Amino acid sequence: MADLDERLLSSLDGFFHDIEISNMHNSLSKWDNIVKDVVGSHHAGTLDPNTSSLAVSISDYMQTLCDSFLHLEVKAEGHAAELIQKLGSTAIKENPPPTCSPSPSPSRATRSPSPSSSQL
């Protein structure tokens, strides 16, 4: 069972490494194998009580870590959306969009009437 204990403990290091590189495939695969071995040992009646306790503790710890990371991600997304909204409203206040008001065409305002149009 020492091998299983070592795999359980090393799964934590692997978990943090895989988070760092943003690829959880390796950790998930190793964890699936650990679960199969723990369940298999339990069914065979060969699971050491200390290994069982270690497996439960590490599983709980990983669950807490995953929940914490998900909570942080949700909060970060919320803060990012709030910041984008504030930046957008600040930009509008500082640089309001130009208003469209009809203004006379410069050519019409400075042009004198043509002689032919006044004779009609």
PDB file of N, CA and C in Angstrom:
ATOM      1  N   MET A   1       0.810  -1.204   0.000  1.00  0.00           N
ATOM      2  CA  MET A   1       0.000   0.000   0.000  1.00  0.00           C
ATOM      3  C   MET A   1       0.851   1.264   0.000  1.00  0.00           C
ATOM      4  N   ALA A   2       2.131   1.137   0.256  1.00  0.00           N
ATOM      5  CA  ALA A   2       3.004   2.313   0.249  1.00  0.00           C
ATOM      6  C   ALA A   2       2.958   3.001  -1.109  1.00  0.00           C
ATOM      7  N   ASP A   3       2.872   2.193  -2.185  1.00  0.00           N
ATOM      8  CA  ASP A   3       2.793   2.758  -3.532  1.00  0.00           C
ATOM      9  C   ASP A   3       1.533   3.610  -3.678  1.00  0.00           C
ATOM     10  N   LEU A   4       0.414   3.127  -3.183  1.00  0.00           N
ATOM     11  CA  LEU A   4      -0.840   3.871  -3.263  1.00  0.00           C
ATOM     12  C   LEU A   4      -0.770   5.137  -2.414  1.00  0.00           C
ATOM     13  N   ASP A   5      -0.176   5.047  -1.242  1.00  0.00           N
ATOM     14  CA  ASP A   5       0.002   6.233  -0.395  1.00  0.00           C
ATOM     15  C   ASP A   5       0.848   7.284  -1.115  1.00  0.00           C
ATOM     16  N   GLU A   6       1.930   6.845  -1.742  1.00  0.00           N
ATOM     17  CA  GLU A   6       2.807   7.771  -2.471  1.00  0.00           C
ATOM     18  C   GLU A   6       2.069   8.408  -3.646  1.00  0.00           C
ATOM     19  N   ARG A   7       1.282   7.617  -4.356  1.00  0.00           N
ATOM     20  CA  ARG A   7       0.509   8.154  -5.482  1.00  0.00           C
ATOM     21  C   ARG A   7      -0.530   9.161  -5.013  1.00  0.00           C
ATOM     22  N   LEU A   8      -1.153   8.871  -3.873  1.00  0.00           N
ATOM     23  CA  LEU A   8      -2.124   9.822  -3.318  1.00  0.00           C
ATOM     24  C   LEU A   8      -1.445  11.149  -2.988  1.00  0.00           C
ATOM     25  N   LEU A   9      -0.318  11.077  -2.311  1.00  0.00           N
ATOM     26  CA  LEU A   9       0.390  12.300  -1.927  1.00  0.00           C
ATOM     27  C   LEU A   9       0.928  13.051  -3.145  1.00  0.00           C
ATOM     28  N   SER A  10       1.465  12.324  -4.108  1.00  0.00           N
ATOM     29  CA  SER A  10       2.013  12.996  -5.292  1.00  0.00           C
ATOM     30  C   SER A  10       0.909  13.571  -6.181  1.00  0.00           C
ATOM     31  N   SER A  11      -0.323  13.103  -5.994  1.00  0.00           N
ATOM     32  CA  SER A  11      -1.425  13.644  -6.792  1.00  0.00           C
ATOM     33  C   SER A  11      -1.644  15.127  -6.493  1.00  0.00           C
ATOM     34  N   LEU A  12      -1.311  15.549  -5.288  1.00  0.00           N
ATOM     35  CA  LEU A  12      -1.446  16.970  -4.948  1.00  0.00           C
ATOM     36  C   LEU A  12      -0.453  17.816  -5.736  1.00  0.00           C
ATOM     37  N   ASP A  13       0.806  17.372  -5.786  1.00  0.00           N
ATOM     38  CA  ASP A  13       1.807  18.105  -6.563  1.00  0.00           C
ATOM     39  C   ASP A  13       1.418  18.136  -8.040  1.00  0.00           C
ATOM     40  N   GLY A  14       0.964  16.998  -8.537  1.00  0.00           N
ATOM     41  CA  GLY A  14       0.535  16.937  -9.934  1.00  0.00           C
ATOM     42  C   GLY A  14      -0.635  17.859 -10.210  1.00  0.00           C
ATOM     43  N   PHE A  15      -1.559  17.934  -9.263  1.00  0.00           N
ATOM     44  CA  PHE A  15      -2.720  18.809  -9.393  1.00  0.00           C
ATOM     45  C   PHE A  15      -2.283  20.266  -9.538  1.00  0.00           C
ATOM     46  N   PHE A  16      -1.391  20.720  -8.654  1.00  0.00           N
ATOM     47  CA  PHE A  16      -0.927  22.109  -8.719  1.00  0.00           C
ATOM     48  C   PHE A  16      -0.119  22.369  -9.987  1.00  0.00           C
ATOM     49  N   HIS A  17       0.691  21.403 -10.381  1.00  0.00           N
ATOM     50  CA  HIS A  17       1.455  21.558 -11.619  1.00  0.00           C
ATOM     51  C   HIS A  17       0.517  21.679 -12.816  1.00  0.00           C
ATOM     52  N   ASP A  18      -0.493  20.841 -12.866  1.00  0.00           N
ATOM     53  CA  ASP A  18      -1.420  20.874 -13.993  1.00  0.00           C
ATOM     54  C   ASP A  18      -2.260  22.145 -14.007  1.00  0.00           C
ATOM     55  N   ILE A  19      -2.562  22.687 -12.848  1.00  0.00           N
ATOM     56  CA  ILE A  19      -3.255  23.981 -12.805  1.00  0.00           C
ATOM     57  C   ILE A  19      -2.343  25.057 -13.373  1.00  0.00           C
ATOM     58  N   GLU A  20      -1.083  24.994 -12.999  1.00  0.00           N
ATOM     59  CA  GLU A  20      -0.117  25.995 -13.468  1.00  0.00           C
ATOM     60  C   GLU A  20       0.006  25.985 -14.992  1.00  0.00           C
ATOM     61  N   ILE A  21      -0.018  24.810 -15.595  1.00  0.00           N
ATOM     62  CA  ILE A  21       0.113  24.731 -17.051  1.00  0.00           C
ATOM     63  C   ILE A  21      -1.247  24.701 -17.754  1.00  0.00           C
ATOM     64  N   SER A  22      -2.313  24.827 -16.987  1.00  0.00           N
ATOM     65  CA  SER A  22      -3.690  24.861 -17.521  1.00  0.00           C
ATOM     66  C   SER A  22      -4.031  23.631 -18.354  1.00  0.00           C
ATOM     67  N   ASN A  23      -3.653  22.463 -17.831  1.00  0.00           N
ATOM     68  CA  ASN A  23      -3.987  21.210 -18.504  1.00  0.00           C
ATOM     69  C   ASN A  23      -4.205  20.149 -17.432  1.00  0.00           C
ATOM     70  N   MET A  24      -5.454  19.862 -17.144  1.00  0.00           N
ATOM     71  CA  MET A  24      -5.795  18.949 -16.057  1.00  0.00           C
ATOM     72  C   MET A  24      -5.890  17.491 -16.501  1.00  0.00           C
ATOM     73  N   HIS A  25      -5.644  17.213 -17.763  1.00  0.00           N
ATOM     74  CA  HIS A  25      -5.798  15.850 -18.281  1.00  0.00           C
ATOM     75  C   HIS A  25      -4.954  14.845 -17.497  1.00  0.00           C
ATOM     76  N   ASN A  26      -3.699  15.159 -17.253  1.00  0.00           N
ATOM     77  CA  ASN A  26      -2.799  14.231 -16.560  1.00  0.00           C
ATOM     78  C   ASN A  26      -3.290  13.943 -15.136  1.00  0.00           C
ATOM     79  N   SER A  27      -3.669  14.988 -14.414  1.00  0.00           N
ATOM     80  CA  SER A  27      -4.160  14.798 -13.040  1.00  0.00           C
ATOM     81  C   SER A  27      -5.436  13.974 -13.012  1.00  0.00           C
ATOM     82  N   LEU A  28      -6.339  14.260 -13.924  1.00  0.00           N
ATOM     83  CA  LEU A  28      -7.601  13.513 -13.955  1.00  0.00           C
ATOM     84  C   LEU A  28      -7.361  12.039 -14.265  1.00  0.00           C
ATOM     85  N   SER A  29      -6.463  11.776 -15.182  1.00  0.00           N
ATOM     86  CA  SER A  29      -6.147  10.391 -15.531  1.00  0.00           C
ATOM     87  C   SER A  29      -5.524   9.650 -14.341  1.00  0.00           C
ATOM     88  N   LYS A  30      -4.569  10.303 -13.681  1.00  0.00           N
ATOM     89  CA  LYS A  30      -3.924   9.674 -12.519  1.00  0.00           C
ATOM     90  C   LYS A  30      -4.932   9.471 -11.389  1.00  0.00           C
ATOM     91  N   TRP A  31      -5.800  10.449 -11.188  1.00  0.00           N
ATOM     92  CA  TRP A  31      -6.788  10.342 -10.112  1.00  0.00           C
ATOM     93  C   TRP A  31      -7.767   9.205 -10.400  1.00  0.00           C
ATOM     94  N   ASP A  32      -8.181   9.065 -11.659  1.00  0.00           N
ATOM     95  CA  ASP A  32      -9.065   7.941 -12.019  1.00  0.00           C
ATOM     96  C   ASP A  32      -8.410   6.600 -11.695  1.00  0.00           C
ATOM     97  N   ASN A  33      -7.120   6.480 -11.980  1.00  0.00           N
ATOM     98  CA  ASN A  33      -6.398   5.236 -11.674  1.00  0.00           C
ATOM     99  C   ASN A  33      -6.298   5.003 -10.165  1.00  0.00           C
ATOM    100  N   ILE A  34      -6.080   6.077  -9.415  1.00  0.00           N
ATOM    101  CA  ILE A  34      -6.016   5.953  -7.953  1.00  0.00           C
ATOM    102  C   ILE A  34      -7.365   5.481  -7.416  1.00  0.00           C
ATOM    103  N   VAL A  35      -8.442   6.075  -7.911  1.00  0.00           N
ATOM    104  CA  VAL A  35      -9.786   5.691  -7.462  1.00  0.00           C
ATOM    105  C   VAL A  35     -10.033   4.209  -7.751  1.00  0.00           C
ATOM    106  N   LYS A  36      -9.682   3.755  -8.941  1.00  0.00           N
ATOM    107  CA  LYS A  36      -9.868   2.336  -9.288  1.00  0.00           C
ATOM    108  C   LYS A  36      -9.082   1.436  -8.335  1.00  0.00           C
ATOM    109  N   ASP A  37      -7.850   1.841  -8.032  1.00  0.00           N
ATOM    110  CA  ASP A  37      -7.024   1.018  -7.142  1.00  0.00           C
ATOM    111  C   ASP A  37      -7.548   1.022  -5.705  1.00  0.00           C
ATOM    112  N   VAL A  38      -8.014   2.171  -5.232  1.00  0.00           N
ATOM    113  CA  VAL A  38      -8.560   2.247  -3.869  1.00  0.00           C
ATOM    114  C   VAL A  38      -9.828   1.402  -3.780  1.00  0.00           C
ATOM    115  N   VAL A  39     -10.724   1.567  -4.748  1.00  0.00           N
ATOM    116  CA  VAL A  39     -11.974   0.795  -4.746  1.00  0.00           C
ATOM    117  C   VAL A  39     -11.676  -0.696  -4.890  1.00  0.00           C
ATOM    118  N   GLY A  40     -10.745  -1.036  -5.775  1.00  0.00           N
ATOM    119  CA  GLY A  40     -10.375  -2.441  -5.954  1.00  0.00           C
ATOM    120  C   GLY A  40      -9.801  -3.047  -4.684  1.00  0.00           C
ATOM    121  N   SER A  41      -8.927  -2.297  -4.007  1.00  0.00           N
ATOM    122  CA  SER A  41      -8.351  -2.779  -2.742  1.00  0.00           C
ATOM    123  C   SER A  41      -9.425  -2.918  -1.674  1.00  0.00           C
ATOM    124  N   HIS A  42     -10.363  -2.002  -1.660  1.00  0.00           N
ATOM    125  CA  HIS A  42     -11.451  -2.061  -0.685  1.00  0.00           C
ATOM    126  C   HIS A  42     -12.299  -3.318  -0.919  1.00  0.00           C
ATOM    127  N   HIS A  43     -12.669  -3.559  -2.168  1.00  0.00           N
ATOM    128  CA  HIS A  43     -13.480  -4.746  -2.486  1.00  0.00           C
ATOM    129  C   HIS A  43     -12.731  -6.041  -2.194  1.00  0.00           C
ATOM    130  N   ALA A  44     -11.414  -6.001  -2.376  1.00  0.00           N
ATOM    131  CA  ALA A  44     -10.605  -7.205  -2.109  1.00  0.00           C
ATOM    132  C   ALA A  44     -10.323  -7.375  -0.617  1.00  0.00           C
ATOM    133  N   GLY A  45     -10.666  -6.351   0.161  1.00  0.00           N
ATOM    134  CA  GLY A  45     -10.421  -6.415   1.603  1.00  0.00           C
ATOM    135  C   GLY A  45      -8.969  -6.178   1.979  1.00  0.00           C
ATOM    136  N   THR A  46      -8.204  -5.569   1.069  1.00  0.00           N
ATOM    137  CA  THR A  46      -6.780  -5.342   1.338  1.00  0.00           C
ATOM    138  C   THR A  46      -6.437  -3.872   1.554  1.00  0.00           C
ATOM    139  N   LEU A  47      -7.446  -3.020   1.611  1.00  0.00           N
ATOM    140  CA  LEU A  47      -7.187  -1.587   1.775  1.00  0.00           C
ATOM    141  C   LEU A  47      -6.820  -1.290   3.219  1.00  0.00           C
ATOM    142  N   ASP A  48      -5.651  -0.747   3.407  1.00  0.00           N
ATOM    143  CA  ASP A  48      -5.168  -0.368   4.735  1.00  0.00           C
ATOM    144  C   ASP A  48      -6.021   0.784   5.261  1.00  0.00           C
ATOM    145  N   PRO A  49      -6.413   0.762   6.533  1.00  0.00           N
ATOM    146  CA  PRO A  49      -7.230   1.848   7.100  1.00  0.00           C
ATOM    147  C   PRO A  49      -6.546   3.211   6.993  1.00  0.00           C
ATOM    148  N   ASN A  50      -5.228   3.248   7.148  1.00  0.00           N
ATOM    149  CA  ASN A  50      -4.513   4.526   7.027  1.00  0.00           C
ATOM    150  C   ASN A  50      -4.552   5.051   5.587  1.00  0.00           C
ATOM    151  N   THR A  51      -4.439   4.145   4.627  1.00  0.00           N
ATOM    152  CA  THR A  51      -4.523   4.540   3.216  1.00  0.00           C
ATOM    153  C   THR A  51      -5.931   5.030   2.901  1.00  0.00           C
ATOM    154  N   SER A  52      -6.929   4.360   3.442  1.00  0.00           N
ATOM    155  CA  SER A  52      -8.310   4.778   3.247  1.00  0.00           C
ATOM    156  C   SER A  52      -8.528   6.179   3.807  1.00  0.00           C
ATOM    157  N   SER A  53      -8.027   6.422   4.990  1.00  0.00           N
ATOM    158  CA  SER A  53      -8.149   7.735   5.618  1.00  0.00           C
ATOM    159  C   SER A  53      -7.411   8.799   4.806  1.00  0.00           C
ATOM    160  N   LEU A  54      -6.219   8.452   4.321  1.00  0.00           N
ATOM    161  CA  LEU A  54      -5.442   9.380   3.500  1.00  0.00           C
ATOM    162  C   LEU A  54      -6.192   9.706   2.209  1.00  0.00           C
ATOM    163  N   ALA A  55      -6.781   8.700   1.586  1.00  0.00           N
ATOM    164  CA  ALA A  55      -7.530   8.910   0.344  1.00  0.00           C
ATOM    165  C   ALA A  55      -8.717   9.842   0.566  1.00  0.00           C
ATOM    166  N   VAL A  56      -9.439   9.635   1.654  1.00  0.00           N
ATOM    167  CA  VAL A  56     -10.584  10.497   1.963  1.00  0.00           C
ATOM    168  C   VAL A  56     -10.115  11.923   2.237  1.00  0.00           C
ATOM    169  N   SER A  57      -9.047  12.071   2.997  1.00  0.00           N
ATOM    170  CA  SER A  57      -8.523  13.405   3.327  1.00  0.00           C
ATOM    171  C   SER A  57      -8.068  14.151   2.077  1.00  0.00           C
ATOM    172  N   ILE A  58      -7.321  13.475   1.221  1.00  0.00           N
ATOM    173  CA  ILE A  58      -6.833  14.127   0.000  1.00  0.00           C
ATOM    174  C   ILE A  58      -7.993  14.444  -0.934  1.00  0.00           C
ATOM    175  N   SER A  59      -8.955  13.555  -1.020  1.00  0.00           N
ATOM    176  CA  SER A  59     -10.130  13.809  -1.844  1.00  0.00           C
ATOM    177  C   SER A  59     -10.888  15.043  -1.347  1.00  0.00           C
ATOM    178  N   ASP A  60     -11.087  15.138  -0.040  1.00  0.00           N
ATOM    179  CA  ASP A  60     -11.758  16.311   0.540  1.00  0.00           C
ATOM    180  C   ASP A  60     -10.960  17.585   0.280  1.00  0.00           C
ATOM    181  N   TYR A  61      -9.641  17.485   0.430  1.00  0.00           N
ATOM    182  CA  TYR A  61      -8.764  18.634   0.215  1.00  0.00           C
ATOM    183  C   TYR A  61      -8.858  19.105  -1.236  1.00  0.00           C
ATOM    184  N   MET A  62      -8.815  18.156  -2.171  1.00  0.00           N
ATOM    185  CA  MET A  62      -8.914  18.522  -3.589  1.00  0.00           C
ATOM    186  C   MET A  62     -10.279  19.121  -3.909  1.00  0.00           C
ATOM    187  N   GLN A  63     -11.319  18.592  -3.287  1.00  0.00           N
ATOM    188  CA  GLN A  63     -12.657  19.143  -3.497  1.00  0.00           C
ATOM    189  C   GLN A  63     -12.711  20.594  -3.024  1.00  0.00           C
ATOM    190  N   THR A  64     -12.122  20.856  -1.880  1.00  0.00           N
ATOM    191  CA  THR A  64     -12.076  22.221  -1.350  1.00  0.00           C
ATOM    192  C   THR A  64     -11.288  23.135  -2.283  1.00  0.00           C
ATOM    193  N   LEU A  65     -10.155  22.653  -2.778  1.00  0.00           N
ATOM    194  CA  LEU A  65      -9.351  23.445  -3.713  1.00  0.00           C
ATOM    195  C   LEU A  65     -10.137  23.760  -4.986  1.00  0.00           C
ATOM    196  N   CYS A  66     -10.773  22.754  -5.550  1.00  0.00           N
ATOM    197  CA  CYS A  66     -11.545  22.962  -6.781  1.00  0.00           C
ATOM    198  C   CYS A  66     -12.680  23.959  -6.562  1.00  0.00           C
ATOM    199  N   ASP A  67     -13.394  23.810  -5.460  1.00  0.00           N
ATOM    200  CA  ASP A  67     -14.470  24.753  -5.145  1.00  0.00           C
ATOM    201  C   ASP A  67     -13.927  26.169  -4.996  1.00  0.00           C
ATOM    202  N   SER A  68     -12.780  26.299  -4.347  1.00  0.00           N
ATOM    203  CA  SER A  68     -12.168  27.618  -4.152  1.00  0.00           C
ATOM    204  C   SER A  68     -11.757  28.236  -5.483  1.00  0.00           C
ATOM    205  N   PHE A  69     -11.137  27.445  -6.349  1.00  0.00           N
ATOM    206  CA  PHE A  69     -10.727  27.962  -7.653  1.00  0.00           C
ATOM    207  C   PHE A  69     -11.934  28.369  -8.494  1.00  0.00           C
ATOM    208  N   LEU A  70     -12.991  27.589  -8.452  1.00  0.00           N
ATOM    209  CA  LEU A  70     -14.196  27.951  -9.198  1.00  0.00           C
ATOM    210  C   LEU A  70     -14.805  29.235  -8.656  1.00  0.00           C
ATOM    211  N   HIS A  71     -14.826  29.372  -7.340  1.00  0.00           N
ATOM    212  CA  HIS A  71     -15.355  30.583  -6.716  1.00  0.00           C
ATOM    213  C   HIS A  71     -14.521  31.795  -7.122  1.00  0.00           C
ATOM    214  N   LEU A  72     -13.206  31.642  -7.132  1.00  0.00           N
ATOM    215  CA  LEU A  72     -12.326  32.735  -7.548  1.00  0.00           C
ATOM    216  C   LEU A  72     -12.557  33.109  -9.006  1.00  0.00           C
ATOM    217  N   GLU A  73     -12.750  32.112  -9.849  1.00  0.00           N
ATOM    218  CA  GLU A  73     -12.979  32.378 -11.268  1.00  0.00           C
ATOM    219  C   GLU A  73     -14.270  33.168 -11.465  1.00  0.00           C
ATOM    220  N   VAL A  74     -15.320  32.772 -10.769  1.00  0.00           N
ATOM    221  CA  VAL A  74     -16.599  33.472 -10.876  1.00  0.00           C
ATOM    222  C   VAL A  74     -16.454  34.912 -10.390  1.00  0.00           C
ATOM    223  N   LYS A  75     -15.766  35.102  -9.263  1.00  0.00           N
ATOM    224  CA  LYS A  75     -15.566  36.459  -8.743  1.00  0.00           C
ATOM    225  C   LYS A  75     -14.728  37.294  -9.707  1.00  0.00           C
ATOM    226  N   ALA A  76     -13.684  36.700 -10.279  1.00  0.00           N
ATOM    227  CA  ALA A  76     -12.820  37.429 -11.212  1.00  0.00           C
ATOM    228  C   ALA A  76     -13.603  37.850 -12.451  1.00  0.00           C
ATOM    229  N   GLU A  77     -14.444  36.959 -12.963  1.00  0.00           N
ATOM    230  CA  GLU A  77     -15.258  37.299 -14.130  1.00  0.00           C
ATOM    231  C   GLU A  77     -16.226  38.432 -13.798  1.00  0.00           C
ATOM    232  N   GLY A  78     -16.804  38.394 -12.614  1.00  0.00           N
ATOM    233  CA  GLY A  78     -17.711  39.457 -12.192  1.00  0.00           C
ATOM    234  C   GLY A  78     -16.999  40.789 -12.064  1.00  0.00           C
ATOM    235  N   HIS A  79     -15.808  40.774 -11.477  1.00  0.00           N
ATOM    236  CA  HIS A  79     -15.028  42.008 -11.336  1.00  0.00           C
ATOM    237  C   HIS A  79     -14.595  42.536 -12.702  1.00  0.00           C
ATOM    238  N   ALA A  80     -14.233  41.657 -13.614  1.00  0.00           N
ATOM    239  CA  ALA A  80     -13.829  42.080 -14.956  1.00  0.00           C
ATOM    240  C   ALA A  80     -15.002  42.742 -15.679  1.00  0.00           C
ATOM    241  N   ALA A  81     -16.180  42.153 -15.587  1.00  0.00           N
ATOM    242  CA  ALA A  81     -17.364  42.725 -16.234  1.00  0.00           C
ATOM    243  C   ALA A  81     -17.699  44.087 -15.632  1.00  0.00           C
ATOM    244  N   GLU A  82     -17.587  44.193 -14.321  1.00  0.00           N
ATOM    245  CA  GLU A  82     -17.853  45.461 -13.638  1.00  0.00           C
ATOM    246  C   GLU A  82     -16.852  46.527 -14.073  1.00  0.00           C
ATOM    247  N   LEU A  83     -15.589  46.161 -14.174  1.00  0.00           N
ATOM    248  CA  LEU A  83     -14.552  47.100 -14.590  1.00  0.00           C
ATOM    249  C   LEU A  83     -14.781  47.563 -16.024  1.00  0.00           C
ATOM    250  N   ILE A  84     -15.133  46.647 -16.899  1.00  0.00           N
ATOM    251  CA  ILE A  84     -15.405  47.012 -18.294  1.00  0.00           C
ATOM    252  C   ILE A  84     -16.579  47.978 -18.365  1.00  0.00           C
ATOM    253  N   GLN A  85     -17.600  47.725 -17.566  1.00  0.00           N
ATOM    254  CA  GLN A  85     -18.769  48.605 -17.550  1.00  0.00           C
ATOM    255  C   GLN A  85     -18.381  49.995 -17.043  1.00  0.00           C
ATOM    256  N   LYS A  86     -17.586  50.051 -15.972  1.00  0.00           N
ATOM    257  CA  LYS A  86     -17.156  51.344 -15.430  1.00  0.00           C
ATOM    258  C   LYS A  86     -16.284  52.097 -16.425  1.00  0.00           C
ATOM    259  N   LEU A  87     -15.376  51.377 -17.084  1.00  0.00           N
ATOM    260  CA  LEU A  87     -14.518  52.024 -18.072  1.00  0.00           C
ATOM    261  C   LEU A  87     -15.335  52.560 -19.235  1.00  0.00           C
ATOM    262  N   GLY A  88     -16.330  51.809 -19.647  1.00  0.00           N
ATOM    263  CA  GLY A  88     -17.189  52.252 -20.736  1.00  0.00           C
ATOM    264  C   GLY A  88     -17.982  53.490 -20.367  1.00  0.00           C
ATOM    265  N   SER A  89     -18.529  53.535 -19.164  1.00  0.00           N
ATOM    266  CA  SER A  89     -19.315  54.698 -18.753  1.00  0.00           C
ATOM    267  C   SER A  89     -18.416  55.900 -18.513  1.00  0.00           C
ATOM    268  N   THR A  90     -17.191  55.683 -18.055  1.00  0.00           N
ATOM    269  CA  THR A  90     -16.249  56.786 -17.856  1.00  0.00           C
ATOM    270  C   THR A  90     -15.855  57.379 -19.198  1.00  0.00           C
ATOM    271  N   ALA A  91     -15.618  56.546 -20.179  1.00  0.00           N
ATOM    272  CA  ALA A  91     -15.234  57.027 -21.503  1.00  0.00           C
ATOM    273  C   ALA A  91     -16.359  57.851 -22.116  1.00  0.00           C
ATOM    274  N   ILE A  92     -17.596  57.442 -21.904  1.00  0.00           N
ATOM    275  CA  ILE A  92     -18.732  58.188 -22.448  1.00  0.00           C
ATOM    276  C   ILE A  92     -18.872  59.531 -21.747  1.00  0.00           C
ATOM    277  N   LYS A  93     -18.656  59.576 -20.429  1.00  0.00           N
ATOM    278  CA  LYS A  93     -18.764  60.833 -19.691  1.00  0.00           C
ATOM    279  C   LYS A  93     -17.671  61.810 -20.107  1.00  0.00           C
ATOM    280  N   GLU A  94     -16.455  61.310 -20.305  1.00  0.00           N
ATOM    281  CA  GLU A  94     -15.337  62.185 -20.649  1.00  0.00           C
ATOM    282  C   GLU A  94     -15.374  62.608 -22.109  1.00  0.00           C
ATOM    283  N   ASN A  95     -15.826  61.766 -22.975  1.00  0.00           N
ATOM    284  CA  ASN A  95     -15.883  62.041 -24.409  1.00  0.00           C
ATOM    285  C   ASN A  95     -17.272  61.716 -24.926  1.00  0.00           C
ATOM    286  N   PRO A  96     -18.243  62.587 -24.670  1.00  0.00           N
ATOM    287  CA  PRO A  96     -19.592  62.266 -25.121  1.00  0.00           C
ATOM    288  C   PRO A  96     -19.619  62.168 -26.647  1.00  0.00           C
ATOM    289  N   PRO A  97     -20.463  61.320 -27.164  1.00  0.00           N
ATOM    290  CA  PRO A  97     -20.536  61.185 -28.620  1.00  0.00           C
ATOM    291  C   PRO A  97     -21.043  62.486 -29.230  1.00  0.00           C
ATOM    292  N   PRO A  98     -20.565  62.835 -30.420  1.00  0.00           N
ATOM    293  CA  PRO A  98     -21.019  64.084 -31.042  1.00  0.00           C
ATOM    294  C   PRO A  98     -22.511  63.998 -31.347  1.00  0.00           C
ATOM    295  N   THR A  99     -23.168  65.143 -31.146  1.00  0.00           N
ATOM    296  CA  THR A  99     -24.595  65.177 -31.443  1.00  0.00           C
ATOM    297  C   THR A  99     -24.767  65.579 -32.892  1.00  0.00           C
ATOM    298  N   CYS A 100     -25.745  65.042 -33.508  1.00  0.00           N
ATOM    299  CA  CYS A 100     -26.024  65.353 -34.907  1.00  0.00           C
ATOM    300  C   CYS A 100     -27.044  66.476 -34.946  1.00  0.00           C
ATOM    301  N   SER A 101     -26.595  67.677 -35.309  1.00  0.00           N
ATOM    302  CA  SER A 101     -27.528  68.785 -35.461  1.00  0.00           C
ATOM    303  C   SER A 101     -27.390  69.302 -36.884  1.00  0.00           C
ATOM    304  N   PRO A 102     -28.510  69.569 -37.502  1.00  0.00           N
ATOM    305  CA  PRO A 102     -28.428  70.045 -38.886  1.00  0.00           C
ATOM    306  C   PRO A 102     -27.761  71.411 -38.923  1.00  0.00           C
ATOM    307  N   SER A 103     -26.814  71.549 -39.789  1.00  0.00           N
ATOM    308  CA  SER A 103     -26.155  72.840 -39.973  1.00  0.00           C
ATOM    309  C   SER A 103     -26.177  73.144 -41.458  1.00  0.00           C
ATOM    310  N   PRO A 104     -26.232  74.385 -41.754  1.00  0.00           N
ATOM    311  CA  PRO A 104     -26.280  74.725 -43.181  1.00  0.00           C
ATOM    312  C   PRO A 104     -24.978  74.320 -43.859  1.00  0.00           C
ATOM    313  N   SER A 105     -25.104  73.930 -45.071  1.00  0.00           N
ATOM    314  CA  SER A 105     -23.930  73.563 -45.848  1.00  0.00           C
ATOM    315  C   SER A 105     -23.098  74.808 -46.062  1.00  0.00           C
ATOM    316  N   PRO A 106     -21.789  74.716 -45.884  1.00  0.00           N
ATOM    317  CA  PRO A 106     -20.965  75.916 -46.070  1.00  0.00           C
ATOM    318  C   PRO A 106     -21.103  76.486 -47.477  1.00  0.00           C
ATOM    319  N   SER A 107     -21.274  75.656 -48.450  1.00  0.00           N
ATOM    320  CA  SER A 107     -21.387  76.169 -49.816  1.00  0.00           C
ATOM    321  C   SER A 107     -22.703  76.916 -50.004  1.00  0.00           C
ATOM    322  N   ARG A 108     -23.776  76.462 -49.367  1.00  0.00           N
ATOM    323  CA  ARG A 108     -25.067  77.146 -49.488  1.00  0.00           C
ATOM    324  C   ARG A 108     -25.082  78.440 -48.688  1.00  0.00           C
ATOM    325  N   ALA A 109     -24.411  78.436 -47.552  1.00  0.00           N
ATOM    326  CA  ALA A 109     -24.434  79.618 -46.700  1.00  0.00           C
ATOM    327  C   ALA A 109     -23.634  80.758 -47.305  1.00  0.00           C
ATOM    328  N   THR A 110     -22.612  80.484 -48.066  1.00  0.00           N
ATOM    329  CA  THR A 110     -21.759  81.547 -48.602  1.00  0.00           C
ATOM    330  C   THR A 110     -22.041  81.837 -50.062  1.00  0.00           C
ATOM    331  N   ARG A 111     -22.848  81.029 -50.692  1.00  0.00           N
ATOM    332  CA  ARG A 111     -23.107  81.213 -52.118  1.00  0.00           C
ATOM    333  C   ARG A 111     -24.167  82.291 -52.314  1.00  0.00           C
ATOM    334  N   SER A 112     -23.935  83.123 -53.235  1.00  0.00           N
ATOM    335  CA  SER A 112     -24.950  84.129 -53.559  1.00  0.00           C
ATOM    336  C   SER A 112     -25.897  83.541 -54.591  1.00  0.00           C
ATOM    337  N   PRO A 113     -27.110  84.011 -54.598  1.00  0.00           N
ATOM    338  CA  PRO A 113     -28.066  83.463 -55.562  1.00  0.00           C
ATOM    339  C   PRO A 113     -27.584  83.695 -56.993  1.00  0.00           C
ATOM    340  N   SER A 114     -27.835  82.723 -57.807  1.00  0.00           N
ATOM    341  CA  SER A 114     -27.420  82.858 -59.206  1.00  0.00           C
ATOM    342  C   SER A 114     -28.376  83.791 -59.935  1.00  0.00           C
ATOM    343  N   PRO A 115     -27.869  84.517 -60.874  1.00  0.00           N
ATOM    344  CA  PRO A 115     -28.738  85.477 -61.585  1.00  0.00           C
ATOM    345  C   PRO A 115     -29.884  84.791 -62.329  1.00  0.00           C
ATOM    346  N   SER A 116     -29.648  83.600 -62.795  1.00  0.00           N
ATOM    347  CA  SER A 116     -30.706  82.938 -63.554  1.00  0.00           C
ATOM    348  C   SER A 116     -31.871  82.530 -62.669  1.00  0.00           C
ATOM    349  N   SER A 117     -31.601  82.175 -61.386  1.00  0.00           N
ATOM    350  CA  SER A 117     -32.684  81.762 -60.506  1.00  0.00           C
ATOM    351  C   SER A 117     -33.513  82.949 -60.059  1.00  0.00           C
ATOM    352  N   SER A 118     -32.945  84.138 -60.022  1.00  0.00           N
ATOM    353  CA  SER A 118     -33.719  85.295 -59.596  1.00  0.00           C
ATOM    354  C   SER A 118     -34.610  85.807 -60.719  1.00  0.00           C
ATOM    355  N   GLN A 119     -34.338  85.403 -61.935  1.00  0.00           N
ATOM    356  CA  GLN A 119     -35.144  85.863 -63.057  1.00  0.00           C
ATOM    357  C   GLN A 119     -36.354  84.986 -63.295  1.00  0.00           C
ATOM    358  N   LEU A 120     -36.450  83.855 -62.639  1.00  0.00           N
ATOM    359  CA  LEU A 120     -37.582  82.965 -62.855  1.00  0.00           C
ATOM    360  C   LEU A 120     -38.759  83.396 -62.121  1.00  0.00           C
TER     361      LEU A 120
END
